Amino acid sequence: MNFIFGIAGMMGMAIAALLYFIPAIIAREKADFKLIFLLNLFLGWTIIGWIWALIWSFEKEKAPLDYYKAGYPGYITEKALKLHELYKQFDAGVITKADYDKALKEILGDLS
Protein backbone atom coordinates (compact mmCIF):
# COMPACT_ATOMS: atom_id res chain seq x y z
CA MET A 1 0.00 0.00 0.00
CA ASN A 2 2.90 2.36 0.75
CA PHE A 3 4.14 1.77 -2.79
CA ILE A 4 0.89 3.16 -4.24
CA PHE A 5 1.02 6.20 -1.96
CA GLY A 6 4.65 6.75 -2.99
CA ILE A 7 3.78 6.70 -6.69
CA ALA A 8 0.76 8.96 -6.12
CA GLY A 9 2.94 11.37 -4.17
CA MET A 10 5.56 11.46 -6.93
CA MET A 11 2.89 12.08 -9.56
CA GLY A 12 1.41 14.84 -7.41
CA MET A 13 4.81 16.51 -7.09
CA ALA A 14 5.36 16.28 -10.85
CA ILE A 15 1.98 17.87 -11.54
CA ALA A 16 2.68 20.61 -8.97
CA ALA A 17 6.06 21.34 -10.59
CA LEU A 18 4.42 21.50 -14.01
CA LEU A 19 1.81 23.96 -12.72
CA TYR A 20 4.48 25.99 -10.91
CA PHE A 21 6.52 26.43 -14.12
CA ILE A 22 3.61 27.26 -16.46
CA PRO A 23 4.87 30.86 -16.99
CA ALA A 24 8.33 29.59 -17.99
CA ILE A 25 6.82 26.95 -20.28
CA ILE A 26 4.68 29.56 -22.02
CA ALA A 27 7.68 31.90 -22.44
CA ARG A 28 10.14 29.28 -23.74
CA GLU A 29 10.31 30.89 -27.24
CA LYS A 30 10.63 34.50 -26.01
CA ALA A 31 13.79 36.60 -25.89
CA ASP A 32 13.16 37.19 -22.15
CA PHE A 33 12.83 33.48 -21.36
CA LYS A 34 15.80 33.35 -18.97
CA LEU A 35 14.55 36.30 -16.94
CA ILE A 36 11.01 34.94 -16.80
CA PHE A 37 12.34 31.53 -15.76
CA LEU A 38 14.44 33.04 -12.97
CA LEU A 39 11.53 35.13 -11.73
CA ASN A 40 9.31 32.05 -11.82
CA LEU A 41 11.94 29.90 -10.08
CA PHE A 42 12.88 32.26 -7.24
CA LEU A 43 9.73 34.33 -6.68
CA GLY A 44 6.98 32.06 -8.02
CA TRP A 45 6.28 30.75 -4.53
CA THR A 46 5.07 34.24 -3.50
CA ILE A 47 2.01 34.00 -5.80
CA ILE A 48 2.61 37.64 -6.81
CA GLY A 49 5.89 36.55 -8.42
CA TRP A 50 4.09 33.70 -10.17
CA ILE A 51 1.36 36.01 -11.49
CA TRP A 52 3.98 38.56 -12.56
CA ALA A 53 5.88 35.85 -14.48
CA LEU A 54 2.63 34.61 -16.04
CA ILE A 55 1.65 38.09 -17.25
CA TRP A 56 5.18 38.70 -18.54
CA SER A 57 5.11 35.39 -20.44
CA PHE A 58 1.96 36.48 -22.32
CA GLU A 59 3.33 39.96 -23.09
CA LYS A 60 3.93 40.76 -26.76
CA GLU A 61 7.55 40.91 -27.93
CA LYS A 62 8.91 44.41 -28.34
CA ALA A 63 10.14 45.57 -31.74
CA PRO A 64 13.90 45.91 -32.15
CA LEU A 65 15.35 49.31 -31.36
CA ASP A 66 16.00 51.77 -34.17
CA TYR A 67 19.75 51.35 -34.03
CA TYR A 68 19.35 47.88 -35.47
CA LYS A 69 17.80 49.33 -38.63
CA ALA A 70 19.66 50.34 -41.78
CA GLY A 71 21.24 53.77 -41.74
CA TYR A 72 22.25 53.79 -38.08
CA PRO A 73 25.91 53.51 -37.08
CA GLY A 74 26.81 49.97 -36.19
CA TYR A 75 24.28 48.42 -38.57
CA ILE A 76 25.90 45.62 -40.56
CA THR A 77 25.06 46.08 -44.20
CA GLU A 78 25.06 43.49 -46.91
CA LYS A 79 28.13 45.17 -48.36
CA ALA A 80 30.02 44.75 -45.09
CA LEU A 81 29.10 41.06 -44.97
CA LYS A 82 30.36 40.61 -48.54
CA LEU A 83 33.62 42.36 -47.67
CA HIS A 84 34.09 40.16 -44.63
CA GLU A 85 33.45 37.00 -46.64
CA LEU A 86 35.84 38.18 -49.37
CA TYR A 87 38.58 38.86 -46.82
CA LYS A 88 38.10 35.43 -45.21
CA GLN A 89 38.55 33.80 -48.64
CA PHE A 90 41.68 35.87 -49.35
CA ASP A 91 43.12 35.20 -45.90
CA ALA A 92 42.55 31.46 -46.30
CA GLY A 93 44.34 31.51 -49.66
CA VAL A 94 41.25 30.54 -51.66
CA ILE A 95 41.60 33.56 -53.97
CA THR A 96 44.63 35.44 -55.25
CA LYS A 97 45.54 39.07 -54.57
CA ALA A 98 44.44 40.05 -58.09
CA ASP A 99 41.06 38.35 -57.64
CA TYR A 100 40.72 39.95 -54.23
CA ASP A 101 41.42 43.43 -55.61
CA LYS A 102 38.99 42.92 -58.49
CA ALA A 103 36.19 41.69 -56.22
CA LEU A 104 36.93 44.50 -53.77
CA LYS A 105 36.44 47.09 -56.51
CA GLU A 106 33.19 45.41 -57.57
CA ILE A 107 31.80 45.45 -54.05
CA LEU A 108 32.88 48.96 -53.14
CA GLY A 109 32.41 50.54 -56.55
CA ASP A 110 34.01 53.90 -57.25
CA LEU A 111 34.45 55.63 -53.89
CA SER A 112 36.59 58.50 -55.14
C-alpha atoms as a PDB file:
ATOM      1  CA  MET A   1       0.000   0.000   0.000  1.00  0.00           C
ATOM      2  CA  ASN A   2       2.896   2.362   0.752  1.00  0.00           C
ATOM      3  CA  PHE A   3       4.141   1.770  -2.791  1.00  0.00           C
ATOM      4  CA  ILE A   4       0.893   3.160  -4.241  1.00  0.00           C
ATOM      5  CA  PHE A   5       1.023   6.198  -1.959  1.00  0.00           C
ATOM      6  CA  GLY A   6       4.651   6.753  -2.987  1.00  0.00           C
ATOM      7  CA  ILE A   7       3.777   6.703  -6.693  1.00  0.00           C
ATOM      8  CA  ALA A   8       0.760   8.959  -6.124  1.00  0.00           C
ATOM      9  CA  GLY A   9       2.945  11.373  -4.169  1.00  0.00           C
ATOM     10  CA  MET A  10       5.557  11.464  -6.925  1.00  0.00           C
ATOM     11  CA  MET A  11       2.888  12.081  -9.557  1.00  0.00           C
ATOM     12  CA  GLY A  12       1.414  14.840  -7.408  1.00  0.00           C
ATOM     13  CA  MET A  13       4.806  16.508  -7.094  1.00  0.00           C
ATOM     14  CA  ALA A  14       5.364  16.277 -10.852  1.00  0.00           C
ATOM     15  CA  ILE A  15       1.984  17.873 -11.542  1.00  0.00           C
ATOM     16  CA  ALA A  16       2.679  20.606  -8.968  1.00  0.00           C
ATOM     17  CA  ALA A  17       6.059  21.343 -10.585  1.00  0.00           C
ATOM     18  CA  LEU A  18       4.418  21.504 -14.010  1.00  0.00           C
ATOM     19  CA  LEU A  19       1.806  23.958 -12.722  1.00  0.00           C
ATOM     20  CA  TYR A  20       4.476  25.991 -10.914  1.00  0.00           C
ATOM     21  CA  PHE A  21       6.516  26.426 -14.118  1.00  0.00           C
ATOM     22  CA  ILE A  22       3.607  27.259 -16.459  1.00  0.00           C
ATOM     23  CA  PRO A  23       4.872  30.856 -16.985  1.00  0.00           C
ATOM     24  CA  ALA A  24       8.332  29.590 -17.987  1.00  0.00           C
ATOM     25  CA  ILE A  25       6.824  26.946 -20.277  1.00  0.00           C
ATOM     26  CA  ILE A  26       4.678  29.555 -22.023  1.00  0.00           C
ATOM     27  CA  ALA A  27       7.679  31.900 -22.436  1.00  0.00           C
ATOM     28  CA  ARG A  28      10.136  29.277 -23.742  1.00  0.00           C
ATOM     29  CA  GLU A  29      10.313  30.892 -27.244  1.00  0.00           C
ATOM     30  CA  LYS A  30      10.633  34.502 -26.015  1.00  0.00           C
ATOM     31  CA  ALA A  31      13.786  36.600 -25.887  1.00  0.00           C
ATOM     32  CA  ASP A  32      13.163  37.189 -22.151  1.00  0.00           C
ATOM     33  CA  PHE A  33      12.834  33.482 -21.362  1.00  0.00           C
ATOM     34  CA  LYS A  34      15.802  33.349 -18.966  1.00  0.00           C
ATOM     35  CA  LEU A  35      14.547  36.300 -16.943  1.00  0.00           C
ATOM     36  CA  ILE A  36      11.009  34.941 -16.802  1.00  0.00           C
ATOM     37  CA  PHE A  37      12.338  31.527 -15.760  1.00  0.00           C
ATOM     38  CA  LEU A  38      14.443  33.037 -12.974  1.00  0.00           C
ATOM     39  CA  LEU A  39      11.528  35.134 -11.726  1.00  0.00           C
ATOM     40  CA  ASN A  40       9.314  32.049 -11.821  1.00  0.00           C
ATOM     41  CA  LEU A  41      11.936  29.900 -10.079  1.00  0.00           C
ATOM     42  CA  PHE A  42      12.884  32.257  -7.245  1.00  0.00           C
ATOM     43  CA  LEU A  43       9.725  34.327  -6.678  1.00  0.00           C
ATOM     44  CA  GLY A  44       6.981  32.062  -8.016  1.00  0.00           C
ATOM     45  CA  TRP A  45       6.275  30.754  -4.529  1.00  0.00           C
ATOM     46  CA  THR A  46       5.071  34.237  -3.504  1.00  0.00           C
ATOM     47  CA  ILE A  47       2.009  34.000  -5.797  1.00  0.00           C
ATOM     48  CA  ILE A  48       2.613  37.636  -6.806  1.00  0.00           C
ATOM     49  CA  GLY A  49       5.888  36.550  -8.424  1.00  0.00           C
ATOM     50  CA  TRP A  50       4.094  33.699 -10.175  1.00  0.00           C
ATOM     51  CA  ILE A  51       1.363  36.008 -11.492  1.00  0.00           C
ATOM     52  CA  TRP A  52       3.983  38.559 -12.563  1.00  0.00           C
ATOM     53  CA  ALA A  53       5.883  35.850 -14.478  1.00  0.00           C
ATOM     54  CA  LEU A  54       2.634  34.614 -16.044  1.00  0.00           C
ATOM     55  CA  ILE A  55       1.645  38.094 -17.251  1.00  0.00           C
ATOM     56  CA  TRP A  56       5.178  38.695 -18.542  1.00  0.00           C
ATOM     57  CA  SER A  57       5.107  35.388 -20.438  1.00  0.00           C
ATOM     58  CA  PHE A  58       1.963  36.485 -22.320  1.00  0.00           C
ATOM     59  CA  GLU A  59       3.327  39.962 -23.091  1.00  0.00           C
ATOM     60  CA  LYS A  60       3.932  40.759 -26.761  1.00  0.00           C
ATOM     61  CA  GLU A  61       7.554  40.908 -27.930  1.00  0.00           C
ATOM     62  CA  LYS A  62       8.911  44.414 -28.338  1.00  0.00           C
ATOM     63  CA  ALA A  63      10.136  45.566 -31.741  1.00  0.00           C
ATOM     64  CA  PRO A  64      13.897  45.914 -32.150  1.00  0.00           C
ATOM     65  CA  LEU A  65      15.353  49.313 -31.355  1.00  0.00           C
ATOM     66  CA  ASP A  66      15.997  51.771 -34.173  1.00  0.00           C
ATOM     67  CA  TYR A  67      19.751  51.354 -34.027  1.00  0.00           C
ATOM     68  CA  TYR A  68      19.351  47.881 -35.473  1.00  0.00           C
ATOM     69  CA  LYS A  69      17.804  49.328 -38.628  1.00  0.00           C
ATOM     70  CA  ALA A  70      19.664  50.343 -41.777  1.00  0.00           C
ATOM     71  CA  GLY A  71      21.236  53.771 -41.737  1.00  0.00           C
ATOM     72  CA  TYR A  72      22.254  53.787 -38.083  1.00  0.00           C
ATOM     73  CA  PRO A  73      25.909  53.507 -37.081  1.00  0.00           C
ATOM     74  CA  GLY A  74      26.811  49.969 -36.194  1.00  0.00           C
ATOM     75  CA  TYR A  75      24.280  48.421 -38.569  1.00  0.00           C
ATOM     76  CA  ILE A  76      25.895  45.621 -40.557  1.00  0.00           C
ATOM     77  CA  THR A  77      25.063  46.084 -44.197  1.00  0.00           C
ATOM     78  CA  GLU A  78      25.055  43.490 -46.908  1.00  0.00           C
ATOM     79  CA  LYS A  79      28.127  45.168 -48.365  1.00  0.00           C
ATOM     80  CA  ALA A  80      30.018  44.753 -45.088  1.00  0.00           C
ATOM     81  CA  LEU A  81      29.104  41.064 -44.966  1.00  0.00           C
ATOM     82  CA  LYS A  82      30.363  40.606 -48.543  1.00  0.00           C
ATOM     83  CA  LEU A  83      33.622  42.362 -47.670  1.00  0.00           C
ATOM     84  CA  HIS A  84      34.085  40.157 -44.632  1.00  0.00           C
ATOM     85  CA  GLU A  85      33.452  36.999 -46.644  1.00  0.00           C
ATOM     86  CA  LEU A  86      35.837  38.182 -49.369  1.00  0.00           C
ATOM     87  CA  TYR A  87      38.577  38.858 -46.823  1.00  0.00           C
ATOM     88  CA  LYS A  88      38.102  35.433 -45.215  1.00  0.00           C
ATOM     89  CA  GLN A  89      38.552  33.802 -48.644  1.00  0.00           C
ATOM     90  CA  PHE A  90      41.676  35.871 -49.350  1.00  0.00           C
ATOM     91  CA  ASP A  91      43.122  35.203 -45.901  1.00  0.00           C
ATOM     92  CA  ALA A  92      42.552  31.463 -46.299  1.00  0.00           C
ATOM     93  CA  GLY A  93      44.343  31.506 -49.658  1.00  0.00           C
ATOM     94  CA  VAL A  94      41.254  30.537 -51.663  1.00  0.00           C
ATOM     95  CA  ILE A  95      41.596  33.558 -53.968  1.00  0.00           C
ATOM     96  CA  THR A  96      44.628  35.438 -55.254  1.00  0.00           C
ATOM     97  CA  LYS A  97      45.539  39.068 -54.566  1.00  0.00           C
ATOM     98  CA  ALA A  98      44.443  40.055 -58.094  1.00  0.00           C
ATOM     99  CA  ASP A  99      41.063  38.346 -57.640  1.00  0.00           C
ATOM    100  CA  TYR A 100      40.723  39.948 -54.231  1.00  0.00           C
ATOM    101  CA  ASP A 101      41.420  43.430 -55.607  1.00  0.00           C
ATOM    102  CA  LYS A 102      38.993  42.918 -58.492  1.00  0.00           C
ATOM    103  CA  ALA A 103      36.192  41.688 -56.216  1.00  0.00           C
ATOM    104  CA  LEU A 104      36.925  44.496 -53.768  1.00  0.00           C
ATOM    105  CA  LYS A 105      36.436  47.089 -56.506  1.00  0.00           C
ATOM    106  CA  GLU A 106      33.189  45.412 -57.573  1.00  0.00           C
ATOM    107  CA  ILE A 107      31.798  45.454 -54.048  1.00  0.00           C
ATOM    108  CA  LEU A 108      32.882  48.956 -53.145  1.00  0.00           C
ATOM    109  CA  GLY A 109      32.409  50.542 -56.546  1.00  0.00           C
ATOM    110  CA  ASP A 110      34.008  53.898 -57.250  1.00  0.00           C
ATOM    111  CA  LEU A 111      34.449  55.634 -53.885  1.00  0.00           C
ATOM    112  CA  SER A 112      36.589  58.504 -55.145  1.00  0.00           C
END
